Amino acid sequence: VPVKDGDDVTGVLGASVYLEGITEALKDELPGTVFYAVDKEGKFALN
């Protein structure tokens, strides 16, 4: 997310969300399910 002063970007606040952690939680929520997600650049976001 950009940090702005008017229309000027002065910095960036960010988060790196751990995809393996989310995947393991989803495996508990959806046991036995084959699932995946592909991002806009064609990479597996989840699997």
PDB file of all heavy atoms in Angstrom:
ATOM      1  N   VAL A   1       0.858  -1.194   0.000  1.00  0.00           N
ATOM      2  CA  VAL A   1       0.000   0.000   0.000  1.00  0.00           C
ATOM      3  C   VAL A   1       0.891   1.239   0.000  1.00  0.00           C
ATOM      4  O   VAL A   1       1.808   1.338   0.821  1.00  0.00           O
ATOM      5  CB  VAL A   1      -0.911  -0.001   1.243  1.00  0.00           C
ATOM      6  CG1 VAL A   1      -1.714   1.293   1.330  1.00  0.00           C
ATOM      7  CG2 VAL A   1      -1.833  -1.214   1.229  1.00  0.00           C
ATOM      8  N   PRO A   2       0.646   2.206  -0.899  1.00  0.00           N
ATOM      9  CA  PRO A   2       1.477   3.409  -0.914  1.00  0.00           C
ATOM     10  C   PRO A   2       1.170   4.343   0.251  1.00  0.00           C
ATOM     11  O   PRO A   2       0.029   4.454   0.700  1.00  0.00           O
ATOM     12  CB  PRO A   2       1.114   4.068  -2.249  1.00  0.00           C
ATOM     13  CG  PRO A   2      -0.280   3.607  -2.531  1.00  0.00           C
ATOM     14  CD  PRO A   2      -0.373   2.212  -1.974  1.00  0.00           C
ATOM     15  N   VAL A   3       2.195   4.981   0.743  1.00  0.00           N
ATOM     16  CA  VAL A   3       2.047   6.076   1.700  1.00  0.00           C
ATOM     17  C   VAL A   3       2.187   7.372   0.898  1.00  0.00           C
ATOM     18  O   VAL A   3       3.170   7.547   0.169  1.00  0.00           O
ATOM     19  CB  VAL A   3       3.110   6.011   2.807  1.00  0.00           C
ATOM     20  CG1 VAL A   3       2.966   7.188   3.766  1.00  0.00           C
ATOM     21  CG2 VAL A   3       3.020   4.685   3.551  1.00  0.00           C
ATOM     22  N   LYS A   4       1.200   8.285   1.016  1.00  0.00           N
ATOM     23  CA  LYS A   4       1.175   9.452   0.144  1.00  0.00           C
ATOM     24  C   LYS A   4       1.230  10.763   0.918  1.00  0.00           C
ATOM     25  O   LYS A   4       0.738  10.862   2.042  1.00  0.00           O
ATOM     26  CB  LYS A   4      -0.094   9.445  -0.714  1.00  0.00           C
ATOM     27  CG  LYS A   4      -0.202   8.296  -1.696  1.00  0.00           C
ATOM     28  CD  LYS A   4      -1.473   8.421  -2.522  1.00  0.00           C
ATOM     29  CE  LYS A   4      -1.605   7.310  -3.547  1.00  0.00           C
ATOM     30  NZ  LYS A   4      -2.854   7.454  -4.340  1.00  0.00           N
ATOM     31  N   ASP A   5       1.832  11.733   0.273  1.00  0.00           N
ATOM     32  CA  ASP A   5       1.760  13.131   0.701  1.00  0.00           C
ATOM     33  C   ASP A   5       1.105  13.869  -0.452  1.00  0.00           C
ATOM     34  O   ASP A   5       1.772  14.244  -1.420  1.00  0.00           O
ATOM     35  CB  ASP A   5       3.147  13.670   1.003  1.00  0.00           C
ATOM     36  CG  ASP A   5       3.120  15.133   1.445  1.00  0.00           C
ATOM     37  OD1 ASP A   5       2.018  15.669   1.634  1.00  0.00           O
ATOM     38  OD2 ASP A   5       4.205  15.723   1.597  1.00  0.00           O
ATOM     39  N   GLY A   6      -0.227  14.036  -0.363  1.00  0.00           N
ATOM     40  CA  GLY A   6      -0.961  14.550  -1.516  1.00  0.00           C
ATOM     41  C   GLY A   6      -0.969  13.482  -2.602  1.00  0.00           C
ATOM     42  O   GLY A   6      -1.380  12.347  -2.390  1.00  0.00           O
ATOM     43  N   ASP A   7      -0.456  13.846  -3.785  1.00  0.00           N
ATOM     44  CA  ASP A   7      -0.385  12.883  -4.889  1.00  0.00           C
ATOM     45  C   ASP A   7       0.968  12.178  -4.953  1.00  0.00           C
ATOM     46  O   ASP A   7       1.158  11.285  -5.786  1.00  0.00           O
ATOM     47  CB  ASP A   7      -0.640  13.595  -6.227  1.00  0.00           C
ATOM     48  CG  ASP A   7      -2.071  14.086  -6.354  1.00  0.00           C
ATOM     49  OD1 ASP A   7      -2.965  13.458  -5.749  1.00  0.00           O
ATOM     50  OD2 ASP A   7      -2.289  15.108  -7.050  1.00  0.00           O
ATOM     51  N   ASP A   8       1.887  12.596  -4.126  1.00  0.00           N
ATOM     52  CA  ASP A   8       3.237  12.028  -4.164  1.00  0.00           C
ATOM     53  C   ASP A   8       3.340  10.814  -3.244  1.00  0.00           C
ATOM     54  O   ASP A   8       2.888  10.840  -2.091  1.00  0.00           O
ATOM     55  CB  ASP A   8       4.264  13.072  -3.725  1.00  0.00           C
ATOM     56  CG  ASP A   8       4.315  14.264  -4.663  1.00  0.00           C
ATOM     57  OD1 ASP A   8       4.070  14.068  -5.873  1.00  0.00           O
ATOM     58  OD2 ASP A   8       4.593  15.386  -4.185  1.00  0.00           O
ATOM     59  N   VAL A   9       3.953   9.743  -3.750  1.00  0.00           N
ATOM     60  CA  VAL A   9       4.212   8.554  -2.941  1.00  0.00           C
ATOM     61  C   VAL A   9       5.528   8.750  -2.203  1.00  0.00           C
ATOM     62  O   VAL A   9       6.570   9.018  -2.818  1.00  0.00           O
ATOM     63  CB  VAL A   9       4.278   7.290  -3.828  1.00  0.00           C
ATOM     64  CG1 VAL A   9       4.684   6.078  -2.990  1.00  0.00           C
ATOM     65  CG2 VAL A   9       2.940   7.049  -4.515  1.00  0.00           C
ATOM     66  N   THR A  10       5.482   8.645  -0.889  1.00  0.00           N
ATOM     67  CA  THR A  10       6.680   8.861  -0.070  1.00  0.00           C
ATOM     68  C   THR A  10       7.242   7.564   0.511  1.00  0.00           C
ATOM     69  O   THR A  10       8.360   7.537   1.025  1.00  0.00           O
ATOM     70  CB  THR A  10       6.372   9.817   1.093  1.00  0.00           C
ATOM     71  OG1 THR A  10       5.336   9.240   1.924  1.00  0.00           O
ATOM     72  CG2 THR A  10       5.907  11.165   0.563  1.00  0.00           C
ATOM     73  N   GLY A  11       6.476   6.495   0.427  1.00  0.00           N
ATOM     74  CA  GLY A  11       6.934   5.216   0.963  1.00  0.00           C
ATOM     75  C   GLY A  11       5.911   4.134   0.690  1.00  0.00           C
ATOM     76  O   GLY A  11       4.852   4.387   0.092  1.00  0.00           O
ATOM     77  N   VAL A  12       6.221   2.911   1.127  1.00  0.00           N
ATOM     78  CA  VAL A  12       5.339   1.771   0.891  1.00  0.00           C
ATOM     79  C   VAL A  12       5.238   0.959   2.177  1.00  0.00           C
ATOM     80  O   VAL A  12       6.262   0.572   2.756  1.00  0.00           O
ATOM     81  CB  VAL A  12       5.871   0.869  -0.246  1.00  0.00           C
ATOM     82  CG1 VAL A  12       4.950  -0.337  -0.434  1.00  0.00           C
ATOM     83  CG2 VAL A  12       6.014   1.658  -1.544  1.00  0.00           C
ATOM     84  N   LEU A  13       4.016   0.684   2.615  1.00  0.00           N
ATOM     85  CA  LEU A  13       3.775  -0.275   3.689  1.00  0.00           C
ATOM     86  C   LEU A  13       3.404  -1.609   3.054  1.00  0.00           C
ATOM     87  O   LEU A  13       2.565  -1.643   2.133  1.00  0.00           O
ATOM     88  CB  LEU A  13       2.643   0.191   4.604  1.00  0.00           C
ATOM     89  CG  LEU A  13       2.895   1.447   5.442  1.00  0.00           C
ATOM     90  CD1 LEU A  13       1.676   1.737   6.307  1.00  0.00           C
ATOM     91  CD2 LEU A  13       4.131   1.287   6.313  1.00  0.00           C
ATOM     92  N   GLY A  14       4.011  -2.687   3.528  1.00  0.00           N
ATOM     93  CA  GLY A  14       3.772  -3.965   2.880  1.00  0.00           C
ATOM     94  C   GLY A  14       3.704  -5.127   3.846  1.00  0.00           C
ATOM     95  O   GLY A  14       4.102  -5.038   5.011  1.00  0.00           O
ATOM     96  N   ALA A  15       3.168  -6.231   3.331  1.00  0.00           N
ATOM     97  CA  ALA A  15       3.120  -7.493   4.061  1.00  0.00           C
ATOM     98  C   ALA A  15       3.460  -8.613   3.107  1.00  0.00           C
ATOM     99  O   ALA A  15       3.015  -8.617   1.954  1.00  0.00           O
ATOM    100  CB  ALA A  15       1.735  -7.717   4.665  1.00  0.00           C
ATOM    101  N   SER A  16       4.255  -9.542   3.586  1.00  0.00           N
ATOM    102  CA  SER A  16       4.551 -10.769   2.858  1.00  0.00           C
ATOM    103  C   SER A  16       3.789 -11.886   3.567  1.00  0.00           C
ATOM    104  O   SER A  16       4.162 -12.309   4.661  1.00  0.00           O
ATOM    105  CB  SER A  16       6.056 -11.055   2.860  1.00  0.00           C
ATOM    106  OG  SER A  16       6.773  -9.981   2.279  1.00  0.00           O
ATOM    107  N   VAL A  17       2.692 -12.340   2.958  1.00  0.00           N
ATOM    108  CA  VAL A  17       1.798 -13.314   3.584  1.00  0.00           C
ATOM    109  C   VAL A  17       2.270 -14.715   3.227  1.00  0.00           C
ATOM    110  O   VAL A  17       2.405 -15.059   2.045  1.00  0.00           O
ATOM    111  CB  VAL A  17       0.349 -13.092   3.117  1.00  0.00           C
ATOM    112  CG1 VAL A  17      -0.583 -14.074   3.812  1.00  0.00           C
ATOM    113  CG2 VAL A  17      -0.090 -11.657   3.380  1.00  0.00           C
ATOM    114  N   TYR A  18       2.506 -15.545   4.235  1.00  0.00           N
ATOM    115  CA  TYR A  18       3.097 -16.866   4.028  1.00  0.00           C
ATOM    116  C   TYR A  18       2.094 -17.828   3.393  1.00  0.00           C
ATOM    117  O   TYR A  18       1.089 -18.212   4.006  1.00  0.00           O
ATOM    118  CB  TYR A  18       3.583 -17.448   5.351  1.00  0.00           C
ATOM    119  CG  TYR A  18       4.576 -16.597   6.097  1.00  0.00           C
ATOM    120  CD1 TYR A  18       4.646 -16.642   7.479  1.00  0.00           C
ATOM    121  CD2 TYR A  18       5.446 -15.748   5.426  1.00  0.00           C
ATOM    122  CE1 TYR A  18       5.568 -15.872   8.184  1.00  0.00           C
ATOM    123  CE2 TYR A  18       6.359 -14.965   6.104  1.00  0.00           C
ATOM    124  CZ  TYR A  18       6.412 -15.026   7.495  1.00  0.00           C
ATOM    125  OH  TYR A  18       7.317 -14.259   8.181  1.00  0.00           O
ATOM    126  N   LEU A  19       2.381 -18.259   2.179  1.00  0.00           N
ATOM    127  CA  LEU A  19       1.439 -19.089   1.434  1.00  0.00           C
ATOM    128  C   LEU A  19       1.414 -20.530   1.926  1.00  0.00           C
ATOM    129  O   LEU A  19       0.371 -21.194   1.870  1.00  0.00           O
ATOM    130  CB  LEU A  19       1.786 -19.031  -0.054  1.00  0.00           C
ATOM    131  CG  LEU A  19       1.599 -17.652  -0.677  1.00  0.00           C
ATOM    132  CD1 LEU A  19       2.118 -17.625  -2.106  1.00  0.00           C
ATOM    133  CD2 LEU A  19       0.129 -17.230  -0.630  1.00  0.00           C
ATOM    134  N   GLU A  20       2.532 -21.032   2.408  1.00  0.00           N
ATOM    135  CA  GLU A  20       2.514 -22.396   2.937  1.00  0.00           C
ATOM    136  C   GLU A  20       1.678 -22.473   4.205  1.00  0.00           C
ATOM    137  O   GLU A  20       0.971 -23.456   4.437  1.00  0.00           O
ATOM    138  CB  GLU A  20       3.935 -22.889   3.188  1.00  0.00           C
ATOM    139  CG  GLU A  20       4.700 -23.211   1.914  1.00  0.00           C
ATOM    140  CD  GLU A  20       6.055 -23.839   2.183  1.00  0.00           C
ATOM    141  OE1 GLU A  20       6.255 -24.378   3.295  1.00  0.00           O
ATOM    142  OE2 GLU A  20       6.908 -23.808   1.273  1.00  0.00           O
ATOM    143  N   GLY A  21       1.743 -21.434   5.033  1.00  0.00           N
ATOM    144  CA  GLY A  21       0.926 -21.415   6.236  1.00  0.00           C
ATOM    145  C   GLY A  21      -0.554 -21.421   5.908  1.00  0.00           C
ATOM    146  O   GLY A  21      -1.351 -22.150   6.529  1.00  0.00           O
ATOM    147  N   ILE A  22      -0.961 -20.605   4.927  1.00  0.00           N
ATOM    148  CA  ILE A  22      -2.359 -20.584   4.505  1.00  0.00           C
ATOM    149  C   ILE A  22      -2.758 -21.929   3.910  1.00  0.00           C
ATOM    150  O   ILE A  22      -3.844 -22.453   4.172  1.00  0.00           O
ATOM    151  CB  ILE A  22      -2.599 -19.442   3.509  1.00  0.00           C
ATOM    152  CG1 ILE A  22      -2.537 -18.092   4.243  1.00  0.00           C
ATOM    153  CG2 ILE A  22      -3.947 -19.599   2.811  1.00  0.00           C
ATOM    154  CD1 ILE A  22      -2.769 -16.899   3.359  1.00  0.00           C
ATOM    155  N   THR A  23      -1.857 -22.525   3.119  1.00  0.00           N
ATOM    156  CA  THR A  23      -2.156 -23.818   2.511  1.00  0.00           C
ATOM    157  C   THR A  23      -2.381 -24.895   3.566  1.00  0.00           C
ATOM    158  O   THR A  23      -3.319 -25.701   3.470  1.00  0.00           O
ATOM    159  CB  THR A  23      -1.009 -24.233   1.568  1.00  0.00           C
ATOM    160  OG1 THR A  23      -0.923 -23.298   0.488  1.00  0.00           O
ATOM    161  CG2 THR A  23      -1.254 -25.624   0.992  1.00  0.00           C
ATOM    162  N   GLU A  24      -1.524 -24.936   4.571  1.00  0.00           N
ATOM    163  CA  GLU A  24      -1.685 -25.947   5.618  1.00  0.00           C
ATOM    164  C   GLU A  24      -2.994 -25.737   6.378  1.00  0.00           C
ATOM    165  O   GLU A  24      -3.667 -26.716   6.743  1.00  0.00           O
ATOM    166  CB  GLU A  24      -0.493 -25.906   6.576  1.00  0.00           C
ATOM    167  CG  GLU A  24       0.820 -26.359   5.945  1.00  0.00           C
ATOM    168  CD  GLU A  24       0.738 -27.735   5.316  1.00  0.00           C
ATOM    169  OE1 GLU A  24       0.131 -28.639   5.935  1.00  0.00           O
ATOM    170  OE2 GLU A  24       1.258 -27.914   4.192  1.00  0.00           O
ATOM    171  N   ALA A  25      -3.365 -24.497   6.618  1.00  0.00           N
ATOM    172  CA  ALA A  25      -4.644 -24.228   7.272  1.00  0.00           C
ATOM    173  C   ALA A  25      -5.811 -24.681   6.395  1.00  0.00           C
ATOM    174  O   ALA A  25      -6.797 -25.244   6.891  1.00  0.00           O
ATOM    175  CB  ALA A  25      -4.769 -22.742   7.591  1.00  0.00           C
ATOM    176  N   LEU A  26      -5.693 -24.469   5.077  1.00  0.00           N
ATOM    177  CA  LEU A  26      -6.742 -24.907   4.159  1.00  0.00           C
ATOM    178  C   LEU A  26      -6.851 -26.427   4.109  1.00  0.00           C
ATOM    179  O   LEU A  26      -7.949 -26.970   3.962  1.00  0.00           O
ATOM    180  CB  LEU A  26      -6.479 -24.346   2.763  1.00  0.00           C
ATOM    181  CG  LEU A  26      -6.772 -22.853   2.581  1.00  0.00           C
ATOM    182  CD1 LEU A  26      -6.145 -22.333   1.300  1.00  0.00           C
ATOM    183  CD2 LEU A  26      -8.282 -22.618   2.586  1.00  0.00           C
ATOM    184  N   LYS A  27      -5.724 -27.112   4.220  1.00  0.00           N
ATOM    185  CA  LYS A  27      -5.775 -28.575   4.250  1.00  0.00           C
ATOM    186  C   LYS A  27      -6.565 -29.069   5.452  1.00  0.00           C
ATOM    187  O   LYS A  27      -7.268 -30.079   5.377  1.00  0.00           O
ATOM    188  CB  LYS A  27      -4.362 -29.146   4.276  1.00  0.00           C
ATOM    189  CG  LYS A  27      -3.599 -29.036   2.960  1.00  0.00           C
ATOM    190  CD  LYS A  27      -2.229 -29.669   3.095  1.00  0.00           C
ATOM    191  CE  LYS A  27      -1.434 -29.566   1.813  1.00  0.00           C
ATOM    192  NZ  LYS A  27      -0.092 -30.201   1.938  1.00  0.00           N
ATOM    193  N   ASP A  28      -6.453 -28.362   6.571  1.00  0.00           N
ATOM    194  CA  ASP A  28      -7.241 -28.723   7.747  1.00  0.00           C
ATOM    195  C   ASP A  28      -8.718 -28.405   7.530  1.00  0.00           C
ATOM    196  O   ASP A  28      -9.601 -29.156   7.976  1.00  0.00           O
ATOM    197  CB  ASP A  28      -6.732 -27.973   8.978  1.00  0.00           C
ATOM    198  CG  ASP A  28      -5.351 -28.426   9.413  1.00  0.00           C
ATOM    199  OD1 ASP A  28      -4.960 -29.566   9.071  1.00  0.00           O
ATOM    200  OD2 ASP A  28      -4.648 -27.636  10.072  1.00  0.00           O
ATOM    201  N   GLU A  29      -8.988 -27.286   6.865  1.00  0.00           N
ATOM    202  CA  GLU A  29     -10.371 -26.889   6.614  1.00  0.00           C
ATOM    203  C   GLU A  29     -11.034 -27.769   5.551  1.00  0.00           C
ATOM    204  O   GLU A  29     -12.239 -28.034   5.621  1.00  0.00           O
ATOM    205  CB  GLU A  29     -10.420 -25.427   6.154  1.00  0.00           C
ATOM    206  CG  GLU A  29     -10.008 -24.408   7.210  1.00  0.00           C
ATOM    207  CD  GLU A  29     -11.066 -24.225   8.268  1.00  0.00           C
ATOM    208  OE1 GLU A  29     -12.261 -24.353   7.951  1.00  0.00           O
ATOM    209  OE2 GLU A  29     -10.692 -23.967   9.436  1.00  0.00           O
ATOM    210  N   LEU A  30     -10.250 -28.203   4.568  1.00  0.00           N
ATOM    211  CA  LEU A  30     -10.781 -28.964   3.421  1.00  0.00           C
ATOM    212  C   LEU A  30     -10.010 -30.275   3.269  1.00  0.00           C
ATOM    213  O   LEU A  30      -9.299 -30.481   2.277  1.00  0.00           O
ATOM    214  CB  LEU A  30     -10.662 -28.135   2.143  1.00  0.00           C
ATOM    215  CG  LEU A  30     -11.322 -26.751   2.149  1.00  0.00           C
ATOM    216  CD1 LEU A  30     -10.892 -25.952   0.921  1.00  0.00           C
ATOM    217  CD2 LEU A  30     -12.845 -26.900   2.193  1.00  0.00           C
ATOM    218  N   PRO A  31     -10.112 -31.185   4.226  1.00  0.00           N
ATOM    219  CA  PRO A  31      -9.296 -32.409   4.180  1.00  0.00           C
ATOM    220  C   PRO A  31      -9.571 -33.241   2.936  1.00  0.00           C
ATOM    221  O   PRO A  31     -10.715 -33.428   2.532  1.00  0.00           O
ATOM    222  CB  PRO A  31      -9.725 -33.157   5.457  1.00  0.00           C
ATOM    223  CG  PRO A  31     -11.061 -32.588   5.820  1.00  0.00           C
ATOM    224  CD  PRO A  31     -11.035 -31.164   5.384  1.00  0.00           C
ATOM    225  N   GLY A  32      -8.492 -33.685   2.307  1.00  0.00           N
ATOM    226  CA  GLY A  32      -8.601 -34.530   1.123  1.00  0.00           C
ATOM    227  C   GLY A  32      -8.854 -33.803  -0.170  1.00  0.00           C
ATOM    228  O   GLY A  32      -8.898 -34.423  -1.236  1.00  0.00           O
ATOM    229  N   THR A  33      -9.010 -32.484  -0.129  1.00  0.00           N
ATOM    230  CA  THR A  33      -9.377 -31.718  -1.324  1.00  0.00           C
ATOM    231  C   THR A  33      -8.147 -31.346  -2.148  1.00  0.00           C
ATOM    232  O   THR A  33      -7.142 -30.907  -1.600  1.00  0.00           O
ATOM    233  CB  THR A  33     -10.122 -30.433  -0.923  1.00  0.00           C
ATOM    234  OG1 THR A  33     -11.267 -30.779  -0.152  1.00  0.00           O
ATOM    235  CG2 THR A  33     -10.565 -29.643  -2.148  1.00  0.00           C
ATOM    236  N   VAL A  34      -8.246 -31.522  -3.454  1.00  0.00           N
ATOM    237  CA  VAL A  34      -7.217 -31.035  -4.373  1.00  0.00           C
ATOM    238  C   VAL A  34      -7.583 -29.606  -4.758  1.00  0.00           C
ATOM    239  O   VAL A  34      -8.642 -29.355  -5.340  1.00  0.00           O
ATOM    240  CB  VAL A  34      -7.116 -31.915  -5.632  1.00  0.00           C
ATOM    241  CG1 VAL A  34      -6.198 -31.271  -6.664  1.00  0.00           C
ATOM    242  CG2 VAL A  34      -6.589 -33.301  -5.263  1.00  0.00           C
ATOM    243  N   PHE A  35      -6.747 -28.652  -4.406  1.00  0.00           N
ATOM    244  CA  PHE A  35      -7.033 -27.246  -4.704  1.00  0.00           C
ATOM    245  C   PHE A  35      -5.751 -26.549  -5.119  1.00  0.00           C
ATOM    246  O   PHE A  35      -4.646 -26.997  -4.825  1.00  0.00           O
ATOM    247  CB  PHE A  35      -7.649 -26.539  -3.493  1.00  0.00           C
ATOM    248  CG  PHE A  35      -6.755 -26.459  -2.282  1.00  0.00           C
ATOM    249  CD1 PHE A  35      -5.814 -25.447  -2.149  1.00  0.00           C
ATOM    250  CD2 PHE A  35      -6.852 -27.408  -1.272  1.00  0.00           C
ATOM    251  CE1 PHE A  35      -4.978 -25.374  -1.037  1.00  0.00           C
ATOM    252  CE2 PHE A  35      -6.030 -27.344  -0.150  1.00  0.00           C
ATOM    253  CZ  PHE A  35      -5.089 -26.322  -0.037  1.00  0.00           C
ATOM    254  N   TYR A  36      -5.911 -25.421  -5.797  1.00  0.00           N
ATOM    255  CA  TYR A  36      -4.771 -24.589  -6.158  1.00  0.00           C
ATOM    256  C   TYR A  36      -5.273 -23.208  -6.541  1.00  0.00           C
ATOM    257  O   TYR A  36      -6.468 -22.994  -6.762  1.00  0.00           O
ATOM    258  CB  TYR A  36      -3.951 -25.199  -7.301  1.00  0.00           C
ATOM    259  CG  TYR A  36      -4.745 -25.671  -8.496  1.00  0.00           C
ATOM    260  CD1 TYR A  36      -5.030 -24.823  -9.555  1.00  0.00           C
ATOM    261  CD2 TYR A  36      -5.198 -26.988  -8.575  1.00  0.00           C
ATOM    262  CE1 TYR A  36      -5.752 -25.255 -10.656  1.00  0.00           C
ATOM    263  CE2 TYR A  36      -5.919 -27.440  -9.672  1.00  0.00           C
ATOM    264  CZ  TYR A  36      -6.193 -26.574 -10.704  1.00  0.00           C
ATOM    265  OH  TYR A  36      -6.912 -27.005 -11.795  1.00  0.00           O
ATOM    266  N   ALA A  37      -4.348 -22.268  -6.571  1.00  0.00           N
ATOM    267  CA  ALA A  37      -4.640 -20.920  -7.059  1.00  0.00           C
ATOM    268  C   ALA A  37      -3.450 -20.476  -7.890  1.00  0.00           C
ATOM    269  O   ALA A  37      -2.298 -20.777  -7.558  1.00  0.00           O
ATOM    270  CB  ALA A  37      -4.881 -19.955  -5.906  1.00  0.00           C
ATOM    271  N   VAL A  38      -3.724 -19.776  -8.962  1.00  0.00           N
ATOM    272  CA  VAL A  38      -2.685 -19.287  -9.875  1.00  0.00           C
ATOM    273  C   VAL A  38      -2.756 -17.767  -9.904  1.00  0.00           C
ATOM    274  O   VAL A  38      -3.839 -17.193 -10.108  1.00  0.00           O
ATOM    275  CB  VAL A  38      -2.874 -19.854 -11.294  1.00  0.00           C
ATOM    276  CG1 VAL A  38      -1.781 -19.338 -12.229  1.00  0.00           C
ATOM    277  CG2 VAL A  38      -2.872 -21.384 -11.271  1.00  0.00           C
ATOM    278  N   ASP A  39      -1.620 -17.103  -9.693  1.00  0.00           N
ATOM    279  CA  ASP A  39      -1.643 -15.642  -9.668  1.00  0.00           C
ATOM    280  C   ASP A  39      -1.611 -15.066 -11.084  1.00  0.00           C
ATOM    281  O   ASP A  39      -1.539 -15.806 -12.075  1.00  0.00           O
ATOM    282  CB  ASP A  39      -0.506 -15.097  -8.801  1.00  0.00           C
ATOM    283  CG  ASP A  39       0.845 -15.053  -9.505  1.00  0.00           C
ATOM    284  OD1 ASP A  39       1.012 -15.701 -10.565  1.00  0.00           O
ATOM    285  OD2 ASP A  39       1.759 -14.373  -8.988  1.00  0.00           O
ATOM    286  N   LYS A  40      -1.666 -13.750 -11.178  1.00  0.00           N
ATOM    287  CA  LYS A  40      -1.750 -13.087 -12.481  1.00  0.00           C
ATOM    288  C   LYS A  40      -0.509 -13.294 -13.329  1.00  0.00           C
ATOM    289  O   LYS A  40      -0.555 -13.145 -14.555  1.00  0.00           O
ATOM    290  CB  LYS A  40      -2.005 -11.588 -12.272  1.00  0.00           C
ATOM    291  CG  LYS A  40      -3.373 -11.273 -11.693  1.00  0.00           C
ATOM    292  CD  LYS A  40      -3.579  -9.791 -11.453  1.00  0.00           C
ATOM    293  CE  LYS A  40      -2.779  -9.299 -10.269  1.00  0.00           C
ATOM    294  NZ  LYS A  40      -3.090  -7.887  -9.908  1.00  0.00           N
ATOM    295  N   GLU A  41       0.626 -13.621 -12.701  1.00  0.00           N
ATOM    296  CA  GLU A  41       1.868 -13.861 -13.433  1.00  0.00           C
ATOM    297  C   GLU A  41       2.065 -15.334 -13.776  1.00  0.00           C
ATOM    298  O   GLU A  41       3.110 -15.721 -14.291  1.00  0.00           O
ATOM    299  CB  GLU A  41       3.046 -13.336 -12.623  1.00  0.00           C
ATOM    300  CG  GLU A  41       2.999 -11.827 -12.404  1.00  0.00           C
ATOM    301  CD  GLU A  41       4.168 -11.309 -11.594  1.00  0.00           C
ATOM    302  OE1 GLU A  41       4.970 -12.133 -11.098  1.00  0.00           O
ATOM    303  OE2 GLU A  41       4.297 -10.075 -11.457  1.00  0.00           O
ATOM    304  N   GLY A  42       1.063 -16.169 -13.480  1.00  0.00           N
ATOM    305  CA  GLY A  42       1.137 -17.580 -13.839  1.00  0.00           C
ATOM    306  C   GLY A  42       1.879 -18.454 -12.855  1.00  0.00           C
ATOM    307  O   GLY A  42       2.308 -19.551 -13.202  1.00  0.00           O
ATOM    308  N   LYS A  43       2.010 -18.008 -11.600  1.00  0.00           N
ATOM    309  CA  LYS A  43       2.654 -18.819 -10.564  1.00  0.00           C
ATOM    310  C   LYS A  43       1.593 -19.436  -9.661  1.00  0.00           C
ATOM    311  O   LYS A  43       0.542 -18.835  -9.426  1.00  0.00           O
ATOM    312  CB  LYS A  43       3.589 -17.958  -9.712  1.00  0.00           C
ATOM    313  CG  LYS A  43       4.772 -17.376 -10.444  1.00  0.00           C
ATOM    314  CD  LYS A  43       5.602 -16.516  -9.488  1.00  0.00           C
ATOM    315  CE  LYS A  43       6.769 -15.855 -10.199  1.00  0.00           C
ATOM    316  NZ  LYS A  43       7.517 -14.949  -9.291  1.00  0.00           N
ATOM    317  N   PHE A  44       1.894 -20.618  -9.138  1.00  0.00           N
ATOM    318  CA  PHE A  44       1.014 -21.195  -8.136  1.00  0.00           C
ATOM    319  C   PHE A  44       1.089 -20.358  -6.863  1.00  0.00           C
ATOM    320  O   PHE A  44       2.144 -20.246  -6.246  1.00  0.00           O
ATOM    321  CB  PHE A  44       1.411 -22.634  -7.805  1.00  0.00           C
ATOM    322  CG  PHE A  44       0.926 -23.661  -8.783  1.00  0.00           C
ATOM    323  CD1 PHE A  44       1.811 -24.490  -9.437  1.00  0.00           C
ATOM    324  CD2 PHE A  44      -0.443 -23.802  -9.031  1.00  0.00           C
ATOM    325  CE1 PHE A  44       1.363 -25.445 -10.330  1.00  0.00           C
ATOM    326  CE2 PHE A  44      -0.898 -24.755  -9.928  1.00  0.00           C
ATOM    327  CZ  PHE A  44       0.005 -25.585 -10.579  1.00  0.00           C
ATOM    328  N   ALA A  45      -0.032 -19.782  -6.472  1.00  0.00           N
ATOM    329  CA  ALA A  45      -0.107 -19.074  -5.202  1.00  0.00           C
ATOM    330  C   ALA A  45      -0.424 -20.043  -4.069  1.00  0.00           C
ATOM    331  O   ALA A  45       0.048 -19.874  -2.947  1.00  0.00           O
ATOM    332  CB  ALA A  45      -1.171 -17.984  -5.273  1.00  0.00           C
ATOM    333  N   LEU A  46      -1.243 -21.025  -4.359  1.00  0.00           N
ATOM    334  CA  LEU A  46      -1.589 -22.096  -3.430  1.00  0.00           C
ATOM    335  C   LEU A  46      -1.533 -23.408  -4.189  1.00  0.00           C
ATOM    336  O   LEU A  46      -1.710 -23.434  -5.406  1.00  0.00           O
ATOM    337  CB  LEU A  46      -2.998 -21.913  -2.867  1.00  0.00           C
ATOM    338  CG  LEU A  46      -3.361 -20.592  -2.180  1.00  0.00           C
ATOM    339  CD1 LEU A  46      -4.850 -20.554  -1.900  1.00  0.00           C
ATOM    340  CD2 LEU A  46      -2.564 -20.427  -0.892  1.00  0.00           C
ATOM    341  N   ASN A  47      -1.302 -24.486  -3.467  1.00  0.00           N
ATOM    342  CA  ASN A  47      -1.415 -25.808  -4.078  1.00  0.00           C
ATOM    343  C   ASN A  47      -1.465 -26.836  -2.966  1.00  0.00           C
ATOM    344  O   ASN A  47      -0.645 -26.787  -2.042  1.00  0.00           O
ATOM    345  CB  ASN A  47      -0.240 -26.097  -5.014  1.00  0.00           C
ATOM    346  CG  ASN A  47      -0.556 -27.208  -6.003  1.00  0.00           C
ATOM    347  OD1 ASN A  47      -0.878 -28.322  -5.613  1.00  0.00           O
ATOM    348  ND2 ASN A  47      -0.471 -26.886  -7.286  1.00  0.00           N
TER     349      ASN A  47
END
